[in-house]
Full PDB file with SEQRES, HELIX, SHEET, SSBOND, CRYST1, ORIGX, SCALE, CONECT and MASTER records, all heavy atoms in Angstrom:
SEQRES   1 A   29  ALA GLY ASP GLY ASN LEU HIS PRO LEU ILE LEU PHE ASP          
SEQRES   2 A   29  ALA ASN GLN GLU GLY GLU PHE LEU ARG ALA GLU ALA PHE          
SEQRES   3 A   29  GLY ALA GLU                                                  
HELIX    1 AA1 GLU A   19  ALA A   28  1                                  10    
CRYST1    1.000    1.000    1.000  90.00  90.00  90.00 P 1           1          
ORIGX1      1.000000  0.000000  0.000000        0.00000                         
ORIGX2      0.000000  1.000000  0.000000        0.00000                         
ORIGX3      0.000000  0.000000  1.000000        0.00000                         
SCALE1      1.000000  0.000000  0.000000        0.00000                         
SCALE2      0.000000  1.000000  0.000000        0.00000                         
SCALE3      0.000000  0.000000  1.000000        0.00000                         
ATOM      1  N   ALA A   1     -69.416-112.925-168.054  1.00  0.00           N  
ATOM      2  CA  ALA A   1     -69.283-114.317-167.624  1.00  0.00           C  
ATOM      3  C   ALA A   1     -70.399-114.752-166.690  1.00  0.00           C  
ATOM      4  O   ALA A   1     -70.813-115.915-166.697  1.00  0.00           O  
ATOM      5  CB  ALA A   1     -67.925-114.517-166.946  1.00  0.00           C  
ATOM      6  N   GLY A   2     -70.905-113.828-165.891  1.00  0.00           N  
ATOM      7  CA  GLY A   2     -71.921-114.199-164.909  1.00  0.00           C  
ATOM      8  C   GLY A   2     -73.184-114.753-165.526  1.00  0.00           C  
ATOM      9  O   GLY A   2     -73.820-115.646-164.950  1.00  0.00           O  
ATOM     10  N   ASP A   3     -73.572-114.248-166.698  1.00  0.00           N  
ATOM     11  CA  ASP A   3     -74.773-114.786-167.344  1.00  0.00           C  
ATOM     12  C   ASP A   3     -74.439-115.554-168.617  1.00  0.00           C  
ATOM     13  O   ASP A   3     -75.307-115.843-169.436  1.00  0.00           O  
ATOM     14  CB  ASP A   3     -75.800-113.682-167.629  1.00  0.00           C  
ATOM     15  CG  ASP A   3     -75.310-112.649-168.628  1.00  0.00           C  
ATOM     16  OD1 ASP A   3     -74.096-112.609-168.882  1.00  0.00           O  
ATOM     17  OD2 ASP A   3     -76.137-111.884-169.146  1.00  0.00           O  
ATOM     18  N   GLY A   4     -73.154-115.895-168.795  1.00  0.00           N  
ATOM     19  CA  GLY A   4     -72.757-116.756-169.905  1.00  0.00           C  
ATOM     20  C   GLY A   4     -72.766-116.102-171.265  1.00  0.00           C  
ATOM     21  O   GLY A   4     -72.751-116.794-172.288  1.00  0.00           O  
ATOM     22  N   ASN A   5     -72.752-114.775-171.324  1.00  0.00           N  
ATOM     23  CA  ASN A   5     -72.796-114.058-172.600  1.00  0.00           C  
ATOM     24  C   ASN A   5     -71.368-113.820-173.107  1.00  0.00           C  
ATOM     25  O   ASN A   5     -70.602-113.082-172.492  1.00  0.00           O  
ATOM     26  CB  ASN A   5     -73.539-112.741-172.423  1.00  0.00           C  
ATOM     27  CG  ASN A   5     -73.805-112.006-173.722  1.00  0.00           C  
ATOM     28  OD1 ASN A   5     -74.175-110.839-173.693  1.00  0.00           O  
ATOM     29  ND2 ASN A   5     -73.627-112.644-174.858  1.00  0.00           N  
ATOM     30  N   LEU A   6     -71.013-114.471-174.207  1.00  0.00           N  
ATOM     31  CA  LEU A   6     -69.664-114.396-174.762  1.00  0.00           C  
ATOM     32  C   LEU A   6     -69.558-113.301-175.814  1.00  0.00           C  
ATOM     33  O   LEU A   6     -70.474-113.097-176.603  1.00  0.00           O  
ATOM     34  CB  LEU A   6     -69.289-115.723-175.437  1.00  0.00           C  
ATOM     35  CG  LEU A   6     -69.727-117.039-174.827  1.00  0.00           C  
ATOM     36  CD1 LEU A   6     -69.216-118.184-175.691  1.00  0.00           C  
ATOM     37  CD2 LEU A   6     -69.215-117.174-173.421  1.00  0.00           C  
ATOM     38  N   HIS A   7     -68.398-112.625-175.840  1.00  0.00           N  
ATOM     39  CA  HIS A   7     -68.106-111.659-176.900  1.00  0.00           C  
ATOM     40  C   HIS A   7     -66.708-111.901-177.465  1.00  0.00           C  
ATOM     41  O   HIS A   7     -65.791-111.104-177.251  1.00  0.00           O  
ATOM     42  CB  HIS A   7     -68.219-110.219-176.376  1.00  0.00           C  
ATOM     43  CG  HIS A   7     -69.597-109.797-176.028  1.00  0.00           C  
ATOM     44  ND1 HIS A   7     -70.683-110.064-176.820  1.00  0.00           N  
ATOM     45  CD2 HIS A   7     -70.085-109.130-174.952  1.00  0.00           C  
ATOM     46  CE1 HIS A   7     -71.779-109.575-176.261  1.00  0.00           C  
ATOM     47  NE2 HIS A   7     -71.442-109.024-175.128  1.00  0.00           N  
ATOM     48  N   PRO A   8     -66.510-113.016-178.166  1.00  0.00           N  
ATOM     49  CA  PRO A   8     -65.206-113.241-178.801  1.00  0.00           C  
ATOM     50  C   PRO A   8     -64.952-112.196-179.894  1.00  0.00           C  
ATOM     51  O   PRO A   8     -65.835-111.908-180.706  1.00  0.00           O  
ATOM     52  CB  PRO A   8     -65.345-114.643-179.411  1.00  0.00           C  
ATOM     53  CG  PRO A   8     -66.538-115.255-178.736  1.00  0.00           C  
ATOM     54  CD  PRO A   8     -67.437-114.120-178.413  1.00  0.00           C  
ATOM     55  N   LEU A   9     -63.752-111.635-179.905  1.00  0.00           N  
ATOM     56  CA  LEU A   9     -63.359-110.663-180.920  1.00  0.00           C  
ATOM     57  C   LEU A   9     -62.387-111.356-181.865  1.00  0.00           C  
ATOM     58  O   LEU A   9     -61.221-111.592-181.520  1.00  0.00           O  
ATOM     59  CB  LEU A   9     -62.691-109.443-180.281  1.00  0.00           C  
ATOM     60  CG  LEU A   9     -63.532-108.632-179.301  1.00  0.00           C  
ATOM     61  CD1 LEU A   9     -62.683-107.568-178.635  1.00  0.00           C  
ATOM     62  CD2 LEU A   9     -64.701-107.982-180.016  1.00  0.00           C  
ATOM     63  N   ILE A  10     -62.863-111.698-183.048  1.00  0.00           N  
ATOM     64  CA  ILE A  10     -62.029-112.371-184.042  1.00  0.00           C  
ATOM     65  C   ILE A  10     -61.248-111.302-184.803  1.00  0.00           C  
ATOM     66  O   ILE A  10     -61.833-110.397-185.409  1.00  0.00           O  
ATOM     67  CB  ILE A  10     -62.888-113.203-185.004  1.00  0.00           C  
ATOM     68  CG1 ILE A  10     -63.680-114.266-184.222  1.00  0.00           C  
ATOM     69  CG2 ILE A  10     -62.030-113.859-186.069  1.00  0.00           C  
ATOM     70  CD1 ILE A  10     -64.757-114.958-185.033  1.00  0.00           C  
ATOM     71  N   LEU A  11     -59.924-111.390-184.758  1.00  0.00           N  
ATOM     72  CA  LEU A  11     -59.058-110.365-185.335  1.00  0.00           C  
ATOM     73  C   LEU A  11     -58.637-110.777-186.737  1.00  0.00           C  
ATOM     74  O   LEU A  11     -58.186-111.904-186.958  1.00  0.00           O  
ATOM     75  CB  LEU A  11     -57.834-110.169-184.443  1.00  0.00           C  
ATOM     76  CG  LEU A  11     -58.129-109.940-182.951  1.00  0.00           C  
ATOM     77  CD1 LEU A  11     -56.823-109.835-182.157  1.00  0.00           C  
ATOM     78  CD2 LEU A  11     -58.987-108.706-182.746  1.00  0.00           C  
ATOM     79  N   PHE A  12     -58.784-109.858-187.698  1.00  0.00           N  
ATOM     80  CA  PHE A  12     -58.436-110.184-189.084  1.00  0.00           C  
ATOM     81  C   PHE A  12     -58.075-108.912-189.832  1.00  0.00           C  
ATOM     82  O   PHE A  12     -58.168-107.801-189.298  1.00  0.00           O  
ATOM     83  CB  PHE A  12     -59.604-110.906-189.780  1.00  0.00           C  
ATOM     84  CG  PHE A  12     -60.806-110.031-190.048  1.00  0.00           C  
ATOM     85  CD1 PHE A  12     -61.004-109.473-191.301  1.00  0.00           C  
ATOM     86  CD2 PHE A  12     -61.734-109.767-189.050  1.00  0.00           C  
ATOM     87  CE1 PHE A  12     -62.104-108.670-191.559  1.00  0.00           C  
ATOM     88  CE2 PHE A  12     -62.838-108.966-189.295  1.00  0.00           C  
ATOM     89  CZ  PHE A  12     -63.024-108.412-190.551  1.00  0.00           C  
ATOM     90  N   ASP A  13     -57.657-109.074-191.051  1.00  0.00           N  
ATOM     91  CA  ASP A  13     -57.302-107.948-191.917  1.00  0.00           C  
ATOM     92  C   ASP A  13     -58.108-108.074-193.204  1.00  0.00           C  
ATOM     93  O   ASP A  13     -57.862-108.969-194.023  1.00  0.00           O  
ATOM     94  CB  ASP A  13     -55.801-107.970-192.215  1.00  0.00           C  
ATOM     95  CG  ASP A  13     -55.345-106.756-193.038  1.00  0.00           C  
ATOM     96  OD1 ASP A  13     -56.218-105.988-193.502  1.00  0.00           O  
ATOM     97  OD2 ASP A  13     -54.126-106.595-193.223  1.00  0.00           O  
ATOM     98  N   ALA A  14     -59.072-107.197-193.369  1.00  0.00           N  
ATOM     99  CA  ALA A  14     -59.960-107.271-194.542  1.00  0.00           C  
ATOM    100  C   ALA A  14     -59.209-107.039-195.846  1.00  0.00           C  
ATOM    101  O   ALA A  14     -59.707-107.398-196.922  1.00  0.00           O  
ATOM    102  CB  ALA A  14     -61.087-106.245-194.404  1.00  0.00           C  
ATOM    103  N   ASN A  15     -58.019-106.446-195.756  1.00  0.00           N  
ATOM    104  CA  ASN A  15     -57.237-106.214-196.974  1.00  0.00           C  
ATOM    105  C   ASN A  15     -56.550-107.481-197.470  1.00  0.00           C  
ATOM    106  O   ASN A  15     -56.047-107.506-198.601  1.00  0.00           O  
ATOM    107  CB  ASN A  15     -56.184-105.129-196.714  1.00  0.00           C  
ATOM    108  CG  ASN A  15     -56.820-103.780-196.437  1.00  0.00           C  
ATOM    109  OD1 ASN A  15     -57.716-103.360-197.152  1.00  0.00           O  
ATOM    110  ND2 ASN A  15     -56.368-103.108-195.397  1.00  0.00           N  
ATOM    111  N   GLN A  16     -56.507-108.504-196.618  1.00  0.00           N  
ATOM    112  CA  GLN A  16     -55.917-109.773-197.020  1.00  0.00           C  
ATOM    113  C   GLN A  16     -57.013-110.675-197.590  1.00  0.00           C  
ATOM    114  O   GLN A  16     -58.007-110.943-196.928  1.00  0.00           O  
ATOM    115  CB  GLN A  16     -55.250-110.458-195.823  1.00  0.00           C  
ATOM    116  CG  GLN A  16     -54.113-109.659-195.204  1.00  0.00           C  
ATOM    117  CD  GLN A  16     -52.959-109.458-196.164  1.00  0.00           C  
ATOM    118  OE1 GLN A  16     -52.554-110.385-196.878  1.00  0.00           O  
ATOM    119  NE2 GLN A  16     -52.432-108.236-196.202  1.00  0.00           N  
ATOM    120  N   GLU A  17     -56.805-111.133-198.817  1.00  0.00           N  
ATOM    121  CA  GLU A  17     -57.824-111.917-199.499  1.00  0.00           C  
ATOM    122  C   GLU A  17     -58.229-113.153-198.678  1.00  0.00           C  
ATOM    123  O   GLU A  17     -57.379-113.920-198.229  1.00  0.00           O  
ATOM    124  CB  GLU A  17     -57.321-112.352-200.876  1.00  0.00           C  
ATOM    125  CG  GLU A  17     -58.378-113.072-201.709  1.00  0.00           C  
ATOM    126  CD  GLU A  17     -57.886-113.432-203.090  1.00  0.00           C  
ATOM    127  OE1 GLU A  17     -56.741-113.068-203.428  1.00  0.00           O  
ATOM    128  OE2 GLU A  17     -58.647-114.093-203.829  1.00  0.00           O  
ATOM    129  N   GLY A  18     -59.509-113.303-198.490  1.00  0.00           N  
ATOM    130  CA  GLY A  18     -60.044-114.475-197.811  1.00  0.00           C  
ATOM    131  C   GLY A  18     -60.145-114.369-196.307  1.00  0.00           C  
ATOM    132  O   GLY A  18     -60.802-115.201-195.667  1.00  0.00           O  
ATOM    133  N   GLU A  19     -59.524-113.343-195.690  1.00  0.00           N  
ATOM    134  CA  GLU A  19     -59.527-113.290-194.223  1.00  0.00           C  
ATOM    135  C   GLU A  19     -60.914-112.992-193.658  1.00  0.00           C  
ATOM    136  O   GLU A  19     -61.297-113.541-192.621  1.00  0.00           O  
ATOM    137  CB  GLU A  19     -58.499-112.278-193.702  1.00  0.00           C  
ATOM    138  CG  GLU A  19     -57.086-112.803-193.722  1.00  0.00           C  
ATOM    139  CD  GLU A  19     -56.207-112.236-192.621  1.00  0.00           C  
ATOM    140  OE1 GLU A  19     -56.706-111.476-191.763  1.00  0.00           O  
ATOM    141  OE2 GLU A  19     -55.003-112.565-192.616  1.00  0.00           O  
ATOM    142  N   PHE A  20     -61.680-112.125-194.309  1.00  0.00           N  
ATOM    143  CA  PHE A  20     -63.016-111.854-193.781  1.00  0.00           C  
ATOM    144  C   PHE A  20     -63.898-113.096-193.884  1.00  0.00           C  
ATOM    145  O   PHE A  20     -64.684-113.387-192.984  1.00  0.00           O  
ATOM    146  CB  PHE A  20     -63.682-110.682-194.502  1.00  0.00           C  
ATOM    147  CG  PHE A  20     -65.095-110.431-194.040  1.00  0.00           C  
ATOM    148  CD1 PHE A  20     -65.361-110.108-192.719  1.00  0.00           C  
ATOM    149  CD2 PHE A  20     -66.164-110.563-194.912  1.00  0.00           C  
ATOM    150  CE1 PHE A  20     -66.658-109.903-192.274  1.00  0.00           C  
ATOM    151  CE2 PHE A  20     -67.465-110.362-194.485  1.00  0.00           C  
ATOM    152  CZ  PHE A  20     -67.709-110.021-193.162  1.00  0.00           C  
ATOM    153  N   LEU A  21     -63.769-113.847-194.985  1.00  0.00           N  
ATOM    154  CA  LEU A  21     -64.544-115.079-195.128  1.00  0.00           C  
ATOM    155  C   LEU A  21     -64.182-116.062-194.018  1.00  0.00           C  
ATOM    156  O   LEU A  21     -65.051-116.737-193.459  1.00  0.00           O  
ATOM    157  CB  LEU A  21     -64.287-115.709-196.496  1.00  0.00           C  
ATOM    158  CG  LEU A  21     -64.838-114.954-197.715  1.00  0.00           C  
ATOM    159  CD1 LEU A  21     -64.436-115.659-198.997  1.00  0.00           C  
ATOM    160  CD2 LEU A  21     -66.352-114.825-197.622  1.00  0.00           C  
ATOM    161  N   ARG A  22     -62.887-116.152-193.683  1.00  0.00           N  
ATOM    162  CA  ARG A  22     -62.473-117.039-192.598  1.00  0.00           C  
ATOM    163  C   ARG A  22     -63.011-116.541-191.259  1.00  0.00           C  
ATOM    164  O   ARG A  22     -63.413-117.341-190.415  1.00  0.00           O  
ATOM    165  CB  ARG A  22     -60.945-117.156-192.547  1.00  0.00           C  
ATOM    166  CG  ARG A  22     -60.333-117.796-193.770  1.00  0.00           C  
ATOM    167  CD  ARG A  22     -59.048-118.567-193.458  1.00  0.00           C  
ATOM    168  NE  ARG A  22     -58.042-117.781-192.766  1.00  0.00           N  
ATOM    169  CZ  ARG A  22     -57.136-117.009-193.355  1.00  0.00           C  
ATOM    170  NH1 ARG A  22     -57.150-116.870-194.672  1.00  0.00           N  
ATOM    171  NH2 ARG A  22     -56.246-116.362-192.648  1.00  0.00           N  
ATOM    172  N   ALA A  23     -63.017-115.225-191.081  1.00  0.00           N  
ATOM    173  CA  ALA A  23     -63.556-114.670-189.832  1.00  0.00           C  
ATOM    174  C   ALA A  23     -65.042-114.985-189.694  1.00  0.00           C  
ATOM    175  O   ALA A  23     -65.520-115.349-188.604  1.00  0.00           O  
ATOM    176  CB  ALA A  23     -63.332-113.159-189.789  1.00  0.00           C  
ATOM    177  N   GLU A  24     -65.785-114.864-190.795  1.00  0.00           N  
ATOM    178  CA  GLU A  24     -67.205-115.214-190.771  1.00  0.00           C  
ATOM    179  C   GLU A  24     -67.415-116.681-190.425  1.00  0.00           C  
ATOM    180  O   GLU A  24     -68.282-117.035-189.628  1.00  0.00           O  
ATOM    181  CB  GLU A  24     -67.845-114.910-192.131  1.00  0.00           C  
ATOM    182  CG  GLU A  24     -68.253-113.481-192.341  1.00  0.00           C  
ATOM    183  CD  GLU A  24     -69.157-113.356-193.555  1.00  0.00           C  
ATOM    184  OE1 GLU A  24     -68.771-113.855-194.632  1.00  0.00           O  
ATOM    185  OE2 GLU A  24     -70.248-112.764-193.440  1.00  0.00           O  
ATOM    186  N   ALA A  25     -66.624-117.530-191.051  1.00  0.00           N  
ATOM    187  CA  ALA A  25     -66.743-118.961-190.798  1.00  0.00           C  
ATOM    188  C   ALA A  25     -66.381-119.294-189.358  1.00  0.00           C  
ATOM    189  O   ALA A  25     -67.031-120.126-188.704  1.00  0.00           O  
ATOM    190  CB  ALA A  25     -65.839-119.732-191.760  1.00  0.00           C  
ATOM    191  N   PHE A  26     -65.347-118.646-188.848  1.00  0.00           N  
ATOM    192  CA  PHE A  26     -64.920-118.800-187.455  1.00  0.00           C  
ATOM    193  C   PHE A  26     -66.079-118.429-186.533  1.00  0.00           C  
ATOM    194  O   PHE A  26     -66.449-119.180-185.614  1.00  0.00           O  
ATOM    195  CB  PHE A  26     -63.711-117.892-187.229  1.00  0.00           C  
ATOM    196  CG  PHE A  26     -62.959-118.102-185.937  1.00  0.00           C  
ATOM    197  CD1 PHE A  26     -61.693-117.540-185.790  1.00  0.00           C  
ATOM    198  CD2 PHE A  26     -63.481-118.827-184.868  1.00  0.00           C  
ATOM    199  CE1 PHE A  26     -60.964-117.705-184.622  1.00  0.00           C  
ATOM    200  CE2 PHE A  26     -62.763-118.990-183.687  1.00  0.00           C  
ATOM    201  CZ  PHE A  26     -61.508-118.427-183.558  1.00  0.00           C  
ATOM    202  N   GLY A  27     -66.690-117.265-186.784  1.00  0.00           N  
ATOM    203  CA  GLY A  27     -67.804-116.811-185.950  1.00  0.00           C  
ATOM    204  C   GLY A  27     -68.988-117.758-185.990  1.00  0.00           C  
ATOM    205  O   GLY A  27     -69.603-118.049-184.958  1.00  0.00           O  
ATOM    206  N   ALA A  28     -69.301-118.264-187.177  1.00  0.00           N  
ATOM    207  CA  ALA A  28     -70.431-119.196-187.306  1.00  0.00           C  
ATOM    208  C   ALA A  28     -70.179-120.471-186.517  1.00  0.00           C  
ATOM    209  O   ALA A  28     -71.087-121.020-185.891  1.00  0.00           O  
ATOM    210  CB  ALA A  28     -70.673-119.516-188.787  1.00  0.00           C  
ATOM    211  N   GLU A  29     -68.929-120.931-186.518  1.00  0.00           N  
ATOM    212  CA  GLU A  29     -68.630-122.160-185.784  1.00  0.00           C  
ATOM    213  C   GLU A  29     -68.691-121.927-184.274  1.00  0.00           C  
ATOM    214  O   GLU A  29     -69.100-122.815-183.517  1.00  0.00           O  
ATOM    215  CB  GLU A  29     -67.267-122.716-186.187  1.00  0.00           C  
ATOM    216  CG  GLU A  29     -67.020-124.089-185.588  1.00  0.00           C  
ATOM    217  CD  GLU A  29     -65.911-124.870-186.268  1.00  0.00           C  
ATOM    218  OE1 GLU A  29     -65.366-124.395-187.290  1.00  0.00           O  
ATOM    219  OE2 GLU A  29     -65.598-125.977-185.779  1.00  0.00           O  
TER     220      GLU A  29                                                      
MASTER        0    0    0    1    0    0    0    6  219    1    0    3          
END                                                                             
């Protein structure tokens, strides 16, 4: 936080169809 460096951890299940694509899109946004 002191230098503004964020590390959001997006939680998903790669075995569920489409979840990794949503995680990628989430990260890009």
